[in-house]
Amino acid sequence: MKRILLFAIIAVSSFPLFAGGMQHNTNQSAQWVRTLSRDATTEIDAVFFNPAGLTKLADGFHFSLHSQTISQSRTVTSANP
């Protein structure tokens, strides 16, 4: 019974972790804005999305300069008290 209760608590408490979604972290890479999928990248922006992918970079100094502009407008209406 304790295992079931523990599993239920862990399962219920993990749902809010996904509530923000990926769209709130758009300031990490201009490459992400272009492709919306950088999870397996082995390029310089891997430091945000796939730190293990940095092992595929050649030895030496790496510099990357990108520019991005993202605008979002939203209206949230909630009837919950």
PDB file of N, CA and C in Angstrom:
ATOM      1  N   MET A   1       0.822  -1.195   0.000  1.00  0.00           N
ATOM      2  CA  MET A   1       0.000   0.000   0.000  1.00  0.00           C
ATOM      3  C   MET A   1       0.871   1.265   0.000  1.00  0.00           C
ATOM      4  N   LYS A   2       1.975   1.212   0.753  1.00  0.00           N
ATOM      5  CA  LYS A   2       2.859   2.377   0.816  1.00  0.00           C
ATOM      6  C   LYS A   2       3.498   2.653  -0.541  1.00  0.00           C
ATOM      7  N   ARG A   3       3.811   1.594  -1.283  1.00  0.00           N
ATOM      8  CA  ARG A   3       4.409   1.777  -2.605  1.00  0.00           C
ATOM      9  C   ARG A   3       3.430   2.440  -3.566  1.00  0.00           C
ATOM     10  N   ILE A   4       2.190   2.012  -3.512  1.00  0.00           N
ATOM     11  CA  ILE A   4       1.170   2.603  -4.381  1.00  0.00           C
ATOM     12  C   ILE A   4       0.977   4.074  -4.037  1.00  0.00           C
ATOM     13  N   LEU A   5       0.922   4.382  -2.758  1.00  0.00           N
ATOM     14  CA  LEU A   5       0.761   5.767  -2.331  1.00  0.00           C
ATOM     15  C   LEU A   5       1.964   6.611  -2.756  1.00  0.00           C
ATOM     16  N   LEU A   6       3.161   6.082  -2.587  1.00  0.00           N
ATOM     17  CA  LEU A   6       4.369   6.798  -2.999  1.00  0.00           C
ATOM     18  C   LEU A   6       4.375   7.036  -4.509  1.00  0.00           C
ATOM     19  N   PHE A   7       4.024   6.013  -5.272  1.00  0.00           N
ATOM     20  CA  PHE A   7       3.960   6.153  -6.725  1.00  0.00           C
ATOM     21  C   PHE A   7       2.929   7.208  -7.128  1.00  0.00           C
ATOM     22  N   ALA A   8       1.780   7.193  -6.478  1.00  0.00           N
ATOM     23  CA  ALA A   8       0.727   8.167  -6.789  1.00  0.00           C
ATOM     24  C   ALA A   8       1.186   9.590  -6.485  1.00  0.00           C
ATOM     25  N   ILE A   9       1.869   9.781  -5.373  1.00  0.00           N
ATOM     26  CA  ILE A   9       2.364  11.116  -5.010  1.00  0.00           C
ATOM     27  C   ILE A   9       3.401  11.599  -6.021  1.00  0.00           C
ATOM     28  N   ILE A  10       4.302  10.726  -6.411  1.00  0.00           N
ATOM     29  CA  ILE A  10       5.330  11.098  -7.392  1.00  0.00           C
ATOM     30  C   ILE A  10       4.696  11.400  -8.743  1.00  0.00           C
ATOM     31  N   ALA A  11       3.736  10.578  -9.154  1.00  0.00           N
ATOM     32  CA  ALA A  11       3.082  10.782 -10.449  1.00  0.00           C
ATOM     33  C   ALA A  11       2.314  12.096 -10.482  1.00  0.00           C
ATOM     34  N   VAL A  12       1.595  12.404  -9.430  1.00  0.00           N
ATOM     35  CA  VAL A  12       0.798  13.632  -9.394  1.00  0.00           C
ATOM     36  C   VAL A  12       1.695  14.862  -9.288  1.00  0.00           C
ATOM     37  N   SER A  13       2.777  14.773  -8.554  1.00  0.00           N
ATOM     38  CA  SER A  13       3.643  15.939  -8.378  1.00  0.00           C
ATOM     39  C   SER A  13       4.507  16.215  -9.601  1.00  0.00           C
ATOM     40  N   SER A  14       4.631  15.268 -10.516  1.00  0.00           N
ATOM     41  CA  SER A  14       5.458  15.502 -11.697  1.00  0.00           C
ATOM     42  C   SER A  14       4.717  16.255 -12.797  1.00  0.00           C
ATOM     43  N   PHE A  15       3.391  16.296 -12.774  1.00  0.00           N
ATOM     44  CA  PHE A  15       2.637  16.990 -13.818  1.00  0.00           C
ATOM     45  C   PHE A  15       2.966  18.478 -13.909  1.00  0.00           C
ATOM     46  N   PRO A  16       3.081  19.215 -12.819  1.00  0.00           N
ATOM     47  CA  PRO A  16       3.393  20.653 -12.944  1.00  0.00           C
ATOM     48  C   PRO A  16       4.766  20.931 -13.554  1.00  0.00           C
ATOM     49  N   LEU A  17       5.652  19.962 -13.539  1.00  0.00           N
ATOM     50  CA  LEU A  17       6.978  20.176 -14.100  1.00  0.00           C
ATOM     51  C   LEU A  17       6.929  20.411 -15.602  1.00  0.00           C
ATOM     52  N   PHE A  18       5.909  19.881 -16.263  1.00  0.00           N
ATOM     53  CA  PHE A  18       5.783  20.021 -17.707  1.00  0.00           C
ATOM     54  C   PHE A  18       4.853  21.159 -18.106  1.00  0.00           C
ATOM     55  N   ALA A  19       4.334  21.892 -17.161  1.00  0.00           N
ATOM     56  CA  ALA A  19       3.329  22.908 -17.451  1.00  0.00           C
ATOM     57  C   ALA A  19       3.892  24.082 -18.246  1.00  0.00           C
ATOM     58  N   GLY A  20       5.152  24.442 -18.049  1.00  0.00           N
ATOM     59  CA  GLY A  20       5.721  25.591 -18.741  1.00  0.00           C
ATOM     60  C   GLY A  20       5.922  25.352 -20.219  1.00  0.00           C
ATOM     61  N   GLY A  21       6.316  24.163 -20.577  1.00  0.00           N
ATOM     62  CA  GLY A  21       6.539  23.841 -21.977  1.00  0.00           C
ATOM     63  C   GLY A  21       7.826  24.444 -22.510  1.00  0.00           C
ATOM     64  N   MET A  22       8.183  24.056 -23.706  1.00  0.00           N
ATOM     65  CA  MET A  22       9.426  24.523 -24.308  1.00  0.00           C
ATOM     66  C   MET A  22       9.337  25.951 -24.818  1.00  0.00           C
ATOM     67  N   GLN A  23       8.151  26.435 -25.114  1.00  0.00           N
ATOM     68  CA  GLN A  23       8.011  27.758 -25.704  1.00  0.00           C
ATOM     69  C   GLN A  23       8.485  28.877 -24.783  1.00  0.00           C
ATOM     70  N   HIS A  24       8.647  28.604 -23.504  1.00  0.00           N
ATOM     71  CA  HIS A  24       9.075  29.642 -22.571  1.00  0.00           C
ATOM     72  C   HIS A  24      10.593  29.778 -22.505  1.00  0.00           C
ATOM     73  N   ASN A  25      11.321  28.874 -23.145  1.00  0.00           N
ATOM     74  CA  ASN A  25      12.784  28.923 -23.104  1.00  0.00           C
ATOM     75  C   ASN A  25      13.364  29.269 -24.467  1.00  0.00           C
ATOM     76  N   THR A  26      12.746  30.196 -25.153  1.00  0.00           N
ATOM     77  CA  THR A  26      13.196  30.518 -26.504  1.00  0.00           C
ATOM     78  C   THR A  26      14.430  31.400 -26.528  1.00  0.00           C
ATOM     79  N   ASN A  27      14.853  31.905 -25.406  1.00  0.00           N
ATOM     80  CA  ASN A  27      15.994  32.811 -25.400  1.00  0.00           C
ATOM     81  C   ASN A  27      17.319  32.082 -25.323  1.00  0.00           C
ATOM     82  N   GLN A  28      17.334  30.771 -25.441  1.00  0.00           N
ATOM     83  CA  GLN A  28      18.574  30.039 -25.280  1.00  0.00           C
ATOM     84  C   GLN A  28      19.348  29.855 -26.576  1.00  0.00           C
ATOM     85  N   SER A  29      18.680  29.827 -27.698  1.00  0.00           N
ATOM     86  CA  SER A  29      19.394  29.589 -28.938  1.00  0.00           C
ATOM     87  C   SER A  29      18.602  30.104 -30.133  1.00  0.00           C
ATOM     88  N   ALA A  30      19.247  30.880 -30.974  1.00  0.00           N
ATOM     89  CA  ALA A  30      18.592  31.336 -32.200  1.00  0.00           C
ATOM     90  C   ALA A  30      18.396  30.170 -33.157  1.00  0.00           C
ATOM     91  N   GLN A  31      19.236  29.164 -33.053  1.00  0.00           N
ATOM     92  CA  GLN A  31      19.082  27.970 -33.884  1.00  0.00           C
ATOM     93  C   GLN A  31      17.788  27.238 -33.529  1.00  0.00           C
ATOM     94  N   TRP A  32      17.426  27.260 -32.254  1.00  0.00           N
ATOM     95  CA  TRP A  32      16.190  26.609 -31.824  1.00  0.00           C
ATOM     96  C   TRP A  32      14.991  27.296 -32.458  1.00  0.00           C
ATOM     97  N   VAL A  33      15.018  28.617 -32.567  1.00  0.00           N
ATOM     98  CA  VAL A  33      13.916  29.361 -33.165  1.00  0.00           C
ATOM     99  C   VAL A  33      13.730  28.936 -34.620  1.00  0.00           C
ATOM    100  N   ARG A  34      14.813  28.623 -35.273  1.00  0.00           N
ATOM    101  CA  ARG A  34      14.757  28.244 -36.683  1.00  0.00           C
ATOM    102  C   ARG A  34      14.236  26.824 -36.871  1.00  0.00           C
ATOM    103  N   THR A  35      14.637  25.889 -36.025  1.00  0.00           N
ATOM    104  CA  THR A  35      14.298  24.480 -36.256  1.00  0.00           C
ATOM    105  C   THR A  35      13.325  23.897 -35.240  1.00  0.00           C
ATOM    106  N   LEU A  36      13.192  24.510 -34.077  1.00  0.00           N
ATOM    107  CA  LEU A  36      12.332  24.025 -32.987  1.00  0.00           C
ATOM    108  C   LEU A  36      12.692  22.626 -32.516  1.00  0.00           C
ATOM    109  N   SER A  37      13.884  22.186 -32.822  1.00  0.00           N
ATOM    110  CA  SER A  37      14.294  20.852 -32.410  1.00  0.00           C
ATOM    111  C   SER A  37      15.812  20.828 -32.313  1.00  0.00           C
ATOM    112  N   ARG A  38      16.333  20.979 -31.131  1.00  0.00           N
ATOM    113  CA  ARG A  38      17.785  21.006 -30.943  1.00  0.00           C
ATOM    114  C   ARG A  38      18.224  19.978 -29.909  1.00  0.00           C
ATOM    115  N   ASP A  39      17.395  18.984 -29.635  1.00  0.00           N
ATOM    116  CA  ASP A  39      17.698  18.037 -28.570  1.00  0.00           C
ATOM    117  C   ASP A  39      18.926  17.177 -28.860  1.00  0.00           C
ATOM    118  N   ALA A  40      19.207  16.890 -30.099  1.00  0.00           N
ATOM    119  CA  ALA A  40      20.343  16.033 -30.433  1.00  0.00           C
ATOM    120  C   ALA A  40      21.445  16.803 -31.156  1.00  0.00           C
ATOM    121  N   THR A  41      21.504  18.087 -30.968  1.00  0.00           N
ATOM    122  CA  THR A  41      22.492  18.898 -31.666  1.00  0.00           C
ATOM    123  C   THR A  41      23.913  18.591 -31.197  1.00  0.00           C
ATOM    124  N   THR A  42      24.835  18.692 -32.112  1.00  0.00           N
ATOM    125  CA  THR A  42      26.255  18.568 -31.764  1.00  0.00           C
ATOM    126  C   THR A  42      26.992  19.842 -32.166  1.00  0.00           C
ATOM    127  N   GLU A  43      26.253  20.916 -32.352  1.00  0.00           N
ATOM    128  CA  GLU A  43      26.850  22.198 -32.709  1.00  0.00           C
ATOM    129  C   GLU A  43      27.101  23.022 -31.450  1.00  0.00           C
ATOM    130  N   ILE A  44      27.511  24.256 -31.624  1.00  0.00           N
ATOM    131  CA  ILE A  44      27.936  25.091 -30.506  1.00  0.00           C
ATOM    132  C   ILE A  44      26.810  25.364 -29.512  1.00  0.00           C
ATOM    133  N   ASP A  45      25.552  25.378 -29.963  1.00  0.00           N
ATOM    134  CA  ASP A  45      24.454  25.634 -29.030  1.00  0.00           C
ATOM    135  C   ASP A  45      24.076  24.393 -28.228  1.00  0.00           C
ATOM    136  N   ALA A  46      24.826  23.331 -28.350  1.00  0.00           N
ATOM    137  CA  ALA A  46      24.554  22.110 -27.598  1.00  0.00           C
ATOM    138  C   ALA A  46      24.679  22.324 -26.095  1.00  0.00           C
ATOM    139  N   VAL A  47      25.336  23.379 -25.685  1.00  0.00           N
ATOM    140  CA  VAL A  47      25.500  23.633 -24.261  1.00  0.00           C
ATOM    141  C   VAL A  47      24.151  23.795 -23.570  1.00  0.00           C
ATOM    142  N   PHE A  48      23.122  24.253 -24.278  1.00  0.00           N
ATOM    143  CA  PHE A  48      21.789  24.408 -23.696  1.00  0.00           C
ATOM    144  C   PHE A  48      20.949  23.149 -23.820  1.00  0.00           C
ATOM    145  N   PHE A  49      21.044  22.444 -24.943  1.00  0.00           N
ATOM    146  CA  PHE A  49      20.106  21.381 -25.244  1.00  0.00           C
ATOM    147  C   PHE A  49      20.696  19.990 -25.117  1.00  0.00           C
ATOM    148  N   ASN A  50      21.954  19.806 -25.409  1.00  0.00           N
ATOM    149  CA  ASN A  50      22.576  18.491 -25.381  1.00  0.00           C
ATOM    150  C   ASN A  50      24.029  18.635 -24.940  1.00  0.00           C
ATOM    151  N   PRO A  51      24.266  18.818 -23.650  1.00  0.00           N
ATOM    152  CA  PRO A  51      25.644  19.007 -23.190  1.00  0.00           C
ATOM    153  C   PRO A  51      26.567  17.857 -23.572  1.00  0.00           C
ATOM    154  N   ALA A  52      26.045  16.646 -23.665  1.00  0.00           N
ATOM    155  CA  ALA A  52      26.881  15.517 -24.067  1.00  0.00           C
ATOM    156  C   ALA A  52      27.327  15.660 -25.521  1.00  0.00           C
ATOM    157  N   GLY A  53      26.561  16.388 -26.324  1.00  0.00           N
ATOM    158  CA  GLY A  53      26.928  16.608 -27.715  1.00  0.00           C
ATOM    159  C   GLY A  53      28.175  17.456 -27.875  1.00  0.00           C
ATOM    160  N   LEU A  54      28.580  18.146 -26.828  1.00  0.00           N
ATOM    161  CA  LEU A  54      29.801  18.956 -26.888  1.00  0.00           C
ATOM    162  C   LEU A  54      31.041  18.101 -27.068  1.00  0.00           C
ATOM    163  N   THR A  55      30.951  16.821 -26.752  1.00  0.00           N
ATOM    164  CA  THR A  55      32.103  15.941 -26.949  1.00  0.00           C
ATOM    165  C   THR A  55      32.397  15.740 -28.429  1.00  0.00           C
ATOM    166  N   LYS A  56      31.449  16.035 -29.292  1.00  0.00           N
ATOM    167  CA  LYS A  56      31.644  15.880 -30.737  1.00  0.00           C
ATOM    168  C   LYS A  56      32.325  17.096 -31.365  1.00  0.00           C
ATOM    169  N   LEU A  57      32.424  18.197 -30.623  1.00  0.00           N
ATOM    170  CA  LEU A  57      33.104  19.378 -31.156  1.00  0.00           C
ATOM    171  C   LEU A  57      34.611  19.143 -31.205  1.00  0.00           C
ATOM    172  N   ALA A  58      35.245  19.725 -32.183  1.00  0.00           N
ATOM    173  CA  ALA A  58      36.703  19.625 -32.267  1.00  0.00           C
ATOM    174  C   ALA A  58      37.331  20.393 -31.111  1.00  0.00           C
ATOM    175  N   ASP A  59      38.527  20.005 -30.719  1.00  0.00           N
ATOM    176  CA  ASP A  59      39.225  20.703 -29.650  1.00  0.00           C
ATOM    177  C   ASP A  59      39.516  22.137 -30.075  1.00  0.00           C
ATOM    178  N   GLY A  60      39.523  23.035 -29.107  1.00  0.00           N
ATOM    179  CA  GLY A  60      39.840  24.417 -29.409  1.00  0.00           C
ATOM    180  C   GLY A  60      38.776  25.369 -28.907  1.00  0.00           C
ATOM    181  N   PHE A  61      38.909  26.613 -29.311  1.00  0.00           N
ATOM    182  CA  PHE A  61      38.001  27.678 -28.906  1.00  0.00           C
ATOM    183  C   PHE A  61      36.855  27.772 -29.906  1.00  0.00           C
ATOM    184  N   HIS A  62      35.628  27.833 -29.408  1.00  0.00           N
ATOM    185  CA  HIS A  62      34.453  27.941 -30.273  1.00  0.00           C
ATOM    186  C   HIS A  62      33.687  29.198 -29.903  1.00  0.00           C
ATOM    187  N   PHE A  63      33.328  29.967 -30.906  1.00  0.00           N
ATOM    188  CA  PHE A  63      32.590  31.204 -30.696  1.00  0.00           C
ATOM    189  C   PHE A  63      31.415  31.223 -31.659  1.00  0.00           C
ATOM    190  N   SER A  64      30.262  31.618 -31.156  1.00  0.00           N
ATOM    191  CA  SER A  64      29.065  31.658 -31.992  1.00  0.00           C
ATOM    192  C   SER A  64      28.300  32.934 -31.684  1.00  0.00           C
ATOM    193  N   LEU A  65      27.877  33.629 -32.713  1.00  0.00           N
ATOM    194  CA  LEU A  65      27.128  34.869 -32.547  1.00  0.00           C
ATOM    195  C   LEU A  65      25.856  34.772 -33.376  1.00  0.00           C
ATOM    196  N   HIS A  66      24.716  34.886 -32.709  1.00  0.00           N
ATOM    197  CA  HIS A  66      23.421  34.782 -33.382  1.00  0.00           C
ATOM    198  C   HIS A  66      22.522  35.902 -32.890  1.00  0.00           C
ATOM    199  N   SER A  67      21.494  36.179 -33.655  1.00  0.00           N
ATOM    200  CA  SER A  67      20.513  37.176 -33.266  1.00  0.00           C
ATOM    201  C   SER A  67      19.124  36.572 -33.422  1.00  0.00           C
ATOM    202  N   GLN A  68      18.241  36.914 -32.514  1.00  0.00           N
ATOM    203  CA  GLN A  68      16.883  36.389 -32.595  1.00  0.00           C
ATOM    204  C   GLN A  68      15.895  37.419 -32.076  1.00  0.00           C
ATOM    205  N   THR A  69      14.705  37.375 -32.624  1.00  0.00           N
ATOM    206  CA  THR A  69      13.616  38.221 -32.158  1.00  0.00           C
ATOM    207  C   THR A  69      12.364  37.363 -32.090  1.00  0.00           C
ATOM    208  N   ILE A  70      11.803  37.282 -30.921  1.00  0.00           N
ATOM    209  CA  ILE A  70      10.576  36.511 -30.728  1.00  0.00           C
ATOM    210  C   ILE A  70       9.606  37.393 -29.976  1.00  0.00           C
ATOM    211  N   SER A  71       8.392  37.451 -30.458  1.00  0.00           N
ATOM    212  CA  SER A  71       7.376  38.194 -29.719  1.00  0.00           C
ATOM    213  C   SER A  71       6.176  37.286 -29.525  1.00  0.00           C
ATOM    214  N   GLN A  72       5.603  37.405 -28.388  1.00  0.00           N
ATOM    215  CA  GLN A  72       4.450  36.594 -28.038  1.00  0.00           C
ATOM    216  C   GLN A  72       3.450  37.475 -27.330  1.00  0.00           C
ATOM    217  N   SER A  73       2.206  37.363 -27.711  1.00  0.00           N
ATOM    218  CA  SER A  73       1.167  38.048 -26.958  1.00  0.00           C
ATOM    219  C   SER A  73       0.106  37.017 -26.626  1.00  0.00           C
ATOM    220  N   ARG A  74      -0.339  37.059 -25.429  1.00  0.00           N
ATOM    221  CA  ARG A  74      -1.346  36.093 -25.018  1.00  0.00           C
ATOM    222  C   ARG A  74      -2.281  36.728 -24.015  1.00  0.00           C
ATOM    223  N   THR A  75      -3.480  36.248 -24.025  1.00  0.00           N
ATOM    224  CA  THR A  75      -4.486  36.667 -23.067  1.00  0.00           C
ATOM    225  C   THR A  75      -4.969  35.425 -22.346  1.00  0.00           C
ATOM    226  N   VAL A  76      -4.810  35.414 -21.061  1.00  0.00           N
ATOM    227  CA  VAL A  76      -5.230  34.275 -20.259  1.00  0.00           C
ATOM    228  C   VAL A  76      -6.465  34.670 -19.475  1.00  0.00           C
ATOM    229  N   THR A  77      -7.518  33.911 -19.670  1.00  0.00           N
ATOM    230  CA  THR A  77      -8.758  34.143 -18.942  1.00  0.00           C
ATOM    231  C   THR A  77      -9.060  32.902 -18.130  1.00  0.00           C
ATOM    232  N   SER A  78      -9.239  33.081 -16.859  1.00  0.00           N
ATOM    233  CA  SER A  78      -9.500  31.950 -15.975  1.00  0.00           C
ATOM    234  C   SER A  78     -10.729  32.239 -15.137  1.00  0.00           C
ATOM    235  N   ALA A  79     -11.603  31.262 -15.069  1.00  0.00           N
ATOM    236  CA  ALA A  79     -12.817  31.415 -14.276  1.00  0.00           C
ATOM    237  C   ALA A  79     -12.694  30.711 -12.928  1.00  0.00           C
ATOM    238  N   ASN A  80     -11.537  30.128 -12.683  1.00  0.00           N
ATOM    239  CA  ASN A  80     -11.351  29.429 -11.409  1.00  0.00           C
ATOM    240  C   ASN A  80     -11.215  30.432 -10.271  1.00  0.00           C
ATOM    241  N   PRO A  81     -11.852  30.140  -9.141  1.00  0.00           N
ATOM    242  CA  PRO A  81     -11.762  31.082  -8.006  1.00  0.00           C
ATOM    243  C   PRO A  81     -10.401  31.058  -7.351  1.00  0.00           C
TER     244      PRO A  81
END
